[in-house]
Amino acid sequence: MNNYYVYKNIIQHLWRDRHTTLKWKLQLALVSKNFFRVISECHFTSLSLQSPRDYFSGFDPSILDRALQHIQSPYCLLKRTSYLSFYTSLYKQCAERLSPLIQSAETLWLVGSEIPTLSQLLLENFAKVQLQPALRAIKISAIETDELDKLTQTIFGADSPLAHVILCSLLITCNITYIDPEFQQINNDSHGISFANRFLQLTELTLCGFGSFGGILSDRPIVTRLTTLVLGSDWTHFNSCGRNYFKIADPVAFFALLSENQVLQRLDLFLYNQTDNNDYKPSFFNYLAGNQSLTSLSLGFIRDRNYLQLIGTKHNIRHLQISMNEPIVFEKVRSLKLSSRSDHNVYHQLIAIKDHFLQNPASCCLTSLSLKFSQFWMVTGDTIFTHLT
């Protein structure tokens, strides 16, 4: 057997030991070069330089520069960062130090809305690289909505630095501080962008914000190959008046195209809509009725009981996140995240689940239950917890 795998098994066993300190584990790297290599490759592959923005506004660049210089030392365990995360603004300060880490990263998470710096970063590290980049996943967050068109051209344009990168996962999120009820969808024109023979390895796509994103959701080869699709988010920023909803320009056309996808396993939909104004639900549930591939589904608030009962008939869905008022039981779901617009409804949902499975113990598939409260008065909370036992 190769000595490398012997060392790896020994170190993995020692690393899982909870009775030893981290300092002792790090000292294992001093045993031999093989131990050093195994620890470096297995346990030091992620680097995050994210911190509060105001912290970096008064940050001494020389401190970060010395830290990055130490990473290049032969005695530093960080030799290959497969996951790298940092604020885009840092690239202006430490481009030379960051470039080797960027070019070796498989997953790159860039935070910040400085599009010129972002374009420079991608151009210098990917457009001029002779060898095939290691990059497989890129996440770009905290982009201002009015900068989205520039970002679209940078990522999807014909002269994009990422044109020859084999991306498997793409995430783009925008800052949304207010949702205008009179908001009209940004023009869905793709600005001459063509996805022909590009991004064909893309299997995971996450988009949060208002915009066309180059019309990527209208591209049949890309949409029909996705295994994970996340549109919008239910997470609320501390300084935001609304969630990161996503608005689909034409729900009927989109879900008709998505119905051609037979491999989609995870679908998260937190969409901006109003009754008689971009209401996606009829098109979505028509799509869901014929779907057999989804195993994970996350939705925003669903009021219609018929829609909820349809979800209950989809036995292929094992993981469900939903906000609702009705006390519906999803028998085949293993992992359930429940919320409502009123905590009183969460109480009734919990009672319905408990009573159903007490009467039919053999039908219980639930192994994980998460309850999300909006008001959570202590009296309500205590009452709910009494029904968990």
Protein backbone atom coordinates (compact mmCIF):
# COMPACT_ATOMS: atom_id res chain seq x y z
CA MET A 1 0.00 0.00 0.00
CA ASN A 2 1.20 3.51 -0.78
CA ASN A 3 2.75 5.12 2.31
CA TYR A 4 0.76 8.29 1.65
CA TYR A 5 -2.54 6.54 2.30
CA VAL A 6 -1.16 4.88 5.44
CA TYR A 7 -0.13 8.28 6.80
CA LYS A 8 -3.48 9.74 5.75
CA ASN A 9 -5.48 7.10 7.63
CA ILE A 10 -3.35 7.57 10.76
CA ILE A 11 -3.70 11.35 10.71
CA GLN A 12 -7.42 11.26 9.97
CA HIS A 13 -7.91 9.01 13.00
CA LEU A 14 -5.86 11.29 15.24
CA TRP A 15 -7.56 14.42 13.90
CA ARG A 16 -10.98 13.13 14.93
CA ASP A 17 -9.83 12.53 18.49
CA ARG A 18 -11.66 15.06 20.67
CA HIS A 19 -9.33 14.51 23.59
CA THR A 20 -6.32 16.11 21.89
CA THR A 21 -5.79 19.83 21.45
CA LEU A 22 -5.49 21.61 18.13
CA LYS A 23 -1.93 22.60 19.03
CA TRP A 24 -0.97 18.94 19.44
CA LYS A 25 -2.59 18.09 16.11
CA LEU A 26 -0.68 20.86 14.37
CA GLN A 27 2.57 19.53 15.80
CA LEU A 28 1.99 16.33 13.84
CA ALA A 29 3.07 18.30 10.78
CA LEU A 30 6.58 18.42 12.25
CA VAL A 31 6.91 14.63 12.30
CA SER A 32 7.86 14.28 8.65
CA LYS A 33 7.33 15.77 5.19
CA ASN A 34 4.67 13.16 4.49
CA PHE A 35 2.74 14.12 7.62
CA PHE A 36 3.08 17.78 6.65
CA ARG A 37 1.75 17.06 3.16
CA VAL A 38 -1.24 15.05 4.37
CA ILE A 39 -2.28 17.63 6.97
CA SER A 40 -1.89 20.43 4.45
CA GLU A 41 -3.94 18.72 1.74
CA CYS A 42 -6.69 17.39 4.01
CA HIS A 43 -7.20 20.06 6.66
CA PHE A 44 -5.86 23.38 5.32
CA THR A 45 -7.61 23.97 2.02
CA SER A 46 -9.98 26.81 2.96
CA LEU A 47 -9.11 30.48 3.47
CA SER A 48 -11.59 33.26 4.28
CA LEU A 49 -10.56 36.90 4.46
CA GLN A 50 -14.08 38.21 5.04
CA SER A 51 -14.69 40.66 7.85
CA PRO A 52 -17.00 43.61 8.46
CA ARG A 53 -16.40 46.28 5.85
CA ASP A 54 -15.79 49.05 8.35
CA TYR A 55 -13.09 46.88 9.84
CA PHE A 56 -11.22 46.89 6.57
CA SER A 57 -11.79 50.61 5.99
CA GLY A 58 -9.21 51.32 8.67
CA PHE A 59 -7.21 48.16 8.10
CA ASP A 60 -3.45 48.39 7.68
CA PRO A 61 -2.70 46.69 4.32
CA SER A 62 0.78 45.74 5.51
CA ILE A 63 -0.72 43.34 8.10
CA LEU A 64 -2.65 41.45 5.43
CA ASP A 65 0.35 41.57 3.13
CA ARG A 66 2.55 39.96 5.81
CA ALA A 67 -0.09 37.28 6.39
CA LEU A 68 -0.24 36.47 2.67
CA GLN A 69 3.55 36.51 2.54
CA HIS A 70 3.61 33.93 5.32
CA ILE A 71 1.25 31.71 3.30
CA GLN A 72 3.93 31.55 0.61
CA SER A 73 6.45 30.32 3.17
CA PRO A 74 7.46 26.64 2.84
CA TYR A 75 6.59 26.22 6.53
CA CYS A 76 2.96 27.31 6.15
CA LEU A 77 0.37 24.52 5.95
CA LEU A 78 -1.79 26.52 3.52
CA LYS A 79 -0.29 25.28 0.25
CA ARG A 80 -3.38 24.88 -1.88
CA THR A 81 -6.58 26.75 -1.12
CA SER A 82 -9.43 24.95 -2.86
CA TYR A 83 -11.85 27.42 -1.22
CA LEU A 84 -11.02 31.14 -1.13
CA SER A 85 -13.26 33.97 0.08
CA PHE A 86 -12.45 37.67 0.39
CA TYR A 87 -13.70 41.21 -0.20
CA THR A 88 -13.06 42.34 -3.76
CA SER A 89 -11.58 45.62 -2.50
CA LEU A 90 -8.66 43.71 -0.97
CA TYR A 91 -7.45 42.78 -4.44
CA LYS A 92 -6.40 46.37 -5.08
CA GLN A 93 -4.15 46.22 -2.02
CA CYS A 94 -2.67 42.73 -2.36
CA ALA A 95 -3.12 41.62 -5.97
CA GLU A 96 0.33 40.06 -6.26
CA ARG A 97 -0.08 38.01 -3.09
CA LEU A 98 -3.66 36.95 -3.81
CA SER A 99 -3.19 35.91 -7.44
CA PRO A 100 -1.52 32.51 -6.75
CA LEU A 101 -4.32 31.66 -4.31
CA ILE A 102 -7.02 32.75 -6.77
CA GLN A 103 -5.57 30.72 -9.62
CA SER A 104 -5.38 27.54 -7.52
CA ALA A 105 -8.88 27.88 -6.00
CA GLU A 106 -11.66 25.53 -7.04
CA THR A 107 -14.31 27.67 -5.30
CA LEU A 108 -13.99 31.45 -5.28
CA TRP A 109 -16.30 33.69 -3.24
CA LEU A 110 -15.98 37.40 -4.00
CA VAL A 111 -17.83 39.87 -1.77
CA GLY A 112 -18.36 43.49 -2.77
CA SER A 113 -19.81 45.60 -5.54
CA GLU A 114 -16.65 47.06 -7.07
CA ILE A 115 -17.20 45.91 -10.65
CA PRO A 116 -14.00 47.48 -12.11
CA THR A 117 -11.88 45.67 -9.50
CA LEU A 118 -13.82 42.46 -10.08
CA SER A 119 -13.25 42.71 -13.84
CA GLN A 120 -9.55 43.36 -13.29
CA LEU A 121 -9.31 40.34 -10.94
CA LEU A 122 -10.94 37.97 -13.43
CA LEU A 123 -8.95 39.34 -16.37
CA GLU A 124 -5.56 39.08 -14.68
CA ASN A 125 -6.10 35.64 -13.19
CA PHE A 126 -8.09 33.74 -15.80
CA ALA A 127 -7.98 35.39 -19.22
CA LYS A 128 -4.18 35.27 -19.46
CA VAL A 129 -3.66 31.86 -17.85
CA GLN A 130 -2.20 29.29 -20.26
CA LEU A 131 -3.24 26.15 -18.36
CA GLN A 132 -6.85 25.16 -17.69
CA PRO A 133 -7.92 26.99 -14.48
CA ALA A 134 -8.85 24.92 -11.43
CA LEU A 135 -11.91 27.12 -10.83
CA ARG A 136 -15.18 25.18 -10.83
CA ALA A 137 -17.44 27.35 -8.66
CA ILE A 138 -17.70 31.12 -8.33
CA LYS A 139 -19.84 33.10 -5.90
CA ILE A 140 -20.30 36.84 -6.24
CA SER A 141 -22.35 38.56 -3.53
CA ALA A 142 -23.31 42.02 -2.25
CA ILE A 143 -23.62 43.45 -5.77
CA GLU A 144 -25.67 46.64 -6.06
CA THR A 145 -28.71 46.23 -8.32
CA ASP A 146 -27.71 49.12 -10.59
CA GLU A 147 -24.35 47.39 -11.18
CA LEU A 148 -25.95 44.16 -12.37
CA ASP A 149 -25.74 44.95 -16.09
CA LYS A 150 -21.99 45.56 -15.82
CA LEU A 151 -21.56 42.32 -13.91
CA THR A 152 -23.60 40.48 -16.55
CA GLN A 153 -21.24 41.63 -19.27
CA THR A 154 -18.22 40.69 -17.16
CA ILE A 155 -19.45 37.14 -16.49
CA PHE A 156 -21.47 36.30 -19.60
CA GLY A 157 -20.11 38.60 -22.31
CA ALA A 158 -18.41 37.23 -25.43
CA ASP A 159 -15.04 38.55 -24.23
CA SER A 160 -15.53 37.35 -20.63
CA PRO A 161 -12.36 36.23 -18.83
CA LEU A 162 -14.34 33.15 -17.76
CA ALA A 163 -15.11 32.10 -21.33
CA HIS A 164 -12.78 29.06 -21.15
CA VAL A 165 -13.40 28.20 -17.48
CA ILE A 166 -15.39 25.00 -16.87
CA LEU A 167 -17.83 26.26 -14.24
CA CYS A 168 -20.02 23.76 -12.40
CA SER A 169 -21.54 26.18 -9.88
CA LEU A 170 -22.44 29.87 -10.14
CA LEU A 171 -23.92 32.15 -7.46
CA ILE A 172 -24.80 35.83 -7.89
CA THR A 173 -26.64 37.82 -5.22
CA CYS A 174 -27.59 41.50 -5.21
CA ASN A 175 -28.28 43.91 -2.37
CA ILE A 176 -32.01 44.68 -2.18
CA THR A 177 -32.91 47.30 0.41
CA TYR A 178 -36.45 48.05 -0.75
CA ILE A 179 -39.07 46.36 -2.94
CA ASP A 180 -41.11 48.84 -4.95
CA PRO A 181 -44.69 47.56 -5.51
CA GLU A 182 -44.65 49.32 -8.88
CA PHE A 183 -41.32 47.75 -9.83
CA GLN A 184 -41.11 46.57 -13.42
CA GLN A 185 -38.78 43.78 -14.45
CA ILE A 186 -35.50 45.03 -15.87
CA ASN A 187 -35.44 44.55 -19.62
CA ASN A 188 -34.87 40.87 -20.29
CA ASP A 189 -32.80 41.65 -23.37
CA SER A 190 -29.61 39.61 -23.24
CA HIS A 191 -27.56 42.50 -24.69
CA GLY A 192 -26.24 40.31 -27.49
CA ILE A 193 -24.94 37.67 -25.08
CA SER A 194 -24.80 34.14 -26.46
CA PHE A 195 -24.40 31.06 -24.28
CA ALA A 196 -23.78 28.73 -27.23
CA ASN A 197 -21.32 25.99 -26.20
CA ARG A 198 -20.53 27.82 -22.97
CA PHE A 199 -21.30 26.96 -19.33
CA LEU A 200 -22.45 23.53 -20.48
CA GLN A 201 -20.92 21.94 -17.36
CA LEU A 202 -22.95 24.21 -15.09
CA THR A 203 -25.03 22.08 -12.72
CA GLU A 204 -25.63 24.50 -9.81
CA LEU A 205 -27.06 27.99 -10.32
CA THR A 206 -28.05 30.54 -7.65
CA LEU A 207 -29.44 33.98 -8.55
CA CYS A 208 -30.77 36.57 -6.11
CA GLY A 209 -31.89 39.99 -7.31
CA PHE A 210 -33.90 41.82 -9.95
CA GLY A 211 -32.48 41.50 -13.45
CA SER A 212 -32.16 39.30 -16.52
CA PHE A 213 -28.67 37.99 -15.65
CA GLY A 214 -27.89 37.93 -19.34
CA GLY A 215 -30.97 35.85 -20.09
CA ILE A 216 -29.32 32.72 -18.70
CA LEU A 217 -32.69 31.34 -17.55
CA SER A 218 -33.86 31.34 -21.17
CA ASP A 219 -31.01 29.18 -22.40
CA ARG A 220 -32.29 25.64 -22.98
CA PRO A 221 -28.93 23.72 -22.83
CA ILE A 222 -28.09 25.32 -19.46
CA VAL A 223 -31.52 25.14 -17.79
CA THR A 224 -32.13 21.51 -18.79
CA ARG A 225 -28.78 20.33 -17.31
CA LEU A 226 -29.07 21.91 -13.86
CA THR A 227 -29.26 19.68 -10.79
CA THR A 228 -29.57 22.61 -8.36
CA LEU A 229 -31.46 25.85 -9.01
CA VAL A 230 -31.91 28.56 -6.37
CA LEU A 231 -33.84 31.72 -7.26
CA GLY A 232 -34.07 34.25 -4.47
CA SER A 233 -33.59 33.77 -0.75
CA ASP A 234 -35.71 33.94 2.38
CA TRP A 235 -32.84 35.40 4.36
CA THR A 236 -33.42 39.00 5.51
CA HIS A 237 -30.45 41.36 5.79
CA PHE A 238 -30.16 43.31 9.00
CA ASN A 239 -30.41 46.59 7.05
CA SER A 240 -33.03 45.42 4.55
CA CYS A 241 -36.75 46.08 4.28
CA GLY A 242 -37.36 42.92 2.27
CA ARG A 243 -35.94 39.55 1.43
CA ASN A 244 -33.77 38.75 -1.57
CA TYR A 245 -36.66 37.87 -3.83
CA PHE A 246 -36.16 37.01 -7.47
CA LYS A 247 -38.54 38.11 -10.22
CA ILE A 248 -39.11 35.94 -13.28
CA ALA A 249 -40.14 37.98 -16.32
CA ASP A 250 -42.26 35.23 -17.90
CA PRO A 251 -43.20 32.42 -15.46
CA VAL A 252 -45.16 30.45 -18.08
CA ALA A 253 -42.24 30.27 -20.51
CA PHE A 254 -39.70 29.60 -17.75
CA PHE A 255 -41.50 26.65 -16.15
CA ALA A 256 -42.33 25.22 -19.56
CA LEU A 257 -38.59 25.19 -20.26
CA LEU A 258 -37.78 23.84 -16.80
CA SER A 259 -40.18 20.93 -17.35
CA GLU A 260 -37.70 19.62 -19.95
CA ASN A 261 -35.15 19.15 -17.16
CA GLN A 262 -35.24 15.53 -15.94
CA VAL A 263 -32.24 15.74 -13.56
CA LEU A 264 -33.12 18.70 -11.31
CA GLN A 265 -32.90 17.58 -7.67
CA ARG A 266 -32.99 20.79 -5.65
CA LEU A 267 -35.24 23.78 -6.35
CA ASP A 268 -35.47 26.86 -4.11
CA LEU A 269 -38.01 29.49 -5.16
CA PHE A 270 -38.43 32.76 -3.28
CA LEU A 271 -40.05 34.83 -5.99
CA TYR A 272 -41.50 38.32 -6.04
CA ASN A 273 -45.10 38.24 -7.24
CA GLN A 274 -48.54 39.73 -6.69
CA THR A 275 -51.98 38.42 -7.56
CA ASP A 276 -52.68 39.27 -11.23
CA ASN A 277 -49.13 40.60 -11.50
CA ASN A 278 -46.44 38.08 -12.36
CA ASP A 279 -48.10 35.34 -10.27
CA TYR A 280 -45.83 32.35 -10.76
CA LYS A 281 -47.81 29.80 -8.73
CA PRO A 282 -50.16 28.43 -11.45
CA SER A 283 -47.23 27.80 -13.80
CA PHE A 284 -45.02 26.39 -11.05
CA PHE A 285 -47.56 23.91 -9.67
CA ASN A 286 -48.43 22.80 -13.18
CA TYR A 287 -44.72 22.03 -13.58
CA LEU A 288 -44.52 20.35 -10.16
CA ALA A 289 -47.46 18.04 -10.91
CA GLY A 290 -45.47 16.33 -13.65
CA ASN A 291 -42.06 16.39 -11.97
CA GLN A 292 -40.45 13.19 -10.65
CA SER A 293 -36.82 14.24 -10.14
CA LEU A 294 -36.99 16.78 -7.28
CA THR A 295 -35.82 15.57 -3.87
CA SER A 296 -35.50 19.01 -2.20
CA LEU A 297 -37.97 21.89 -2.48
CA SER A 298 -37.98 25.29 -0.73
CA LEU A 299 -40.80 27.77 -1.21
CA GLY A 300 -42.03 31.04 0.20
CA PHE A 301 -45.55 31.54 1.50
CA ILE A 302 -48.21 29.30 -0.09
CA ARG A 303 -51.82 30.10 0.83
CA ASP A 304 -53.87 27.81 -1.43
CA ARG A 305 -54.69 24.47 0.26
CA ASN A 306 -54.92 22.70 -3.12
CA TYR A 307 -51.33 23.65 -3.87
CA LEU A 308 -50.21 22.35 -0.47
CA GLN A 309 -52.03 19.06 -0.99
CA LEU A 310 -50.32 18.69 -4.37
CA ILE A 311 -46.94 18.97 -2.64
CA GLY A 312 -48.08 16.25 -0.24
CA THR A 313 -48.66 13.86 -3.15
CA LYS A 314 -45.08 14.23 -4.42
CA HIS A 315 -43.39 11.31 -2.69
CA ASN A 316 -40.08 12.04 -4.42
CA ILE A 317 -39.64 15.19 -2.28
CA ARG A 318 -37.65 14.29 0.84
CA HIS A 319 -36.58 17.74 2.01
CA LEU A 320 -39.15 20.53 2.21
CA GLN A 321 -39.04 24.14 3.40
CA ILE A 322 -42.32 26.03 3.24
CA SER A 323 -44.33 28.83 4.82
CA MET A 324 -48.08 28.17 5.13
CA ASN A 325 -51.16 28.66 7.29
CA GLU A 326 -52.87 25.31 6.76
CA PRO A 327 -52.19 22.29 9.05
CA ILE A 328 -51.10 19.96 6.25
CA VAL A 329 -49.06 16.79 6.94
CA PHE A 330 -46.41 15.77 4.39
CA GLU A 331 -46.07 12.05 5.06
CA LYS A 332 -43.05 11.17 2.92
CA VAL A 333 -40.92 14.19 3.81
CA ARG A 334 -37.87 13.37 5.94
CA SER A 335 -36.60 16.88 6.62
CA LEU A 336 -39.18 19.63 7.16
CA LYS A 337 -38.74 23.36 7.82
CA LEU A 338 -42.01 25.05 8.71
CA SER A 339 -42.96 28.67 9.13
CA SER A 340 -46.07 30.82 8.89
CA ARG A 341 -47.16 34.41 8.94
CA SER A 342 -48.48 33.76 12.43
CA ASP A 343 -46.92 31.62 15.16
CA HIS A 344 -50.43 30.48 16.06
CA ASN A 345 -50.50 28.55 12.77
CA VAL A 346 -47.16 26.89 13.54
CA TYR A 347 -48.76 25.56 16.74
CA HIS A 348 -51.64 23.97 14.83
CA GLN A 349 -49.26 22.52 12.22
CA LEU A 350 -47.24 20.87 14.96
CA ILE A 351 -50.37 19.38 16.56
CA ALA A 352 -51.48 18.01 13.18
CA ILE A 353 -48.10 16.35 12.62
CA LYS A 354 -48.04 14.83 16.10
CA ASP A 355 -51.61 13.49 15.93
CA HIS A 356 -51.15 12.04 12.46
CA PHE A 357 -48.04 10.07 13.30
CA LEU A 358 -49.45 8.87 16.64
CA GLN A 359 -52.33 7.35 14.73
CA ASN A 360 -50.14 6.02 11.91
CA PRO A 361 -46.66 5.33 13.36
CA ALA A 362 -45.61 3.20 10.38
CA SER A 363 -46.14 6.11 7.99
CA CYS A 364 -43.69 8.40 9.81
CA CYS A 365 -40.68 9.28 7.66
CA LEU A 366 -39.81 12.55 9.45
CA THR A 367 -36.30 12.62 10.92
CA SER A 368 -35.71 16.39 11.12
CA LEU A 369 -38.14 19.20 12.01
CA SER A 370 -37.31 22.92 12.11
CA LEU A 371 -39.83 25.54 13.22
CA LYS A 372 -39.35 29.19 12.33
CA PHE A 373 -41.20 31.73 14.48
CA SER A 374 -42.15 35.29 13.59
CA GLN A 375 -43.49 36.68 16.87
CA PHE A 376 -42.62 33.96 19.38
CA TRP A 377 -44.23 35.28 22.52
CA MET A 378 -42.98 33.22 25.44
CA VAL A 379 -46.48 31.83 26.17
CA THR A 380 -46.81 30.62 22.58
CA GLY A 381 -43.29 29.22 22.61
CA ASP A 382 -43.83 27.26 25.82
CA THR A 383 -47.10 25.87 24.47
CA ILE A 384 -45.45 24.72 21.27
CA PHE A 385 -42.55 23.05 23.05
CA THR A 386 -44.93 21.00 25.21
CA HIS A 387 -46.10 19.26 22.04
CA LEU A 388 -42.59 18.25 20.96
CA THR A 389 -42.56 15.47 23.58
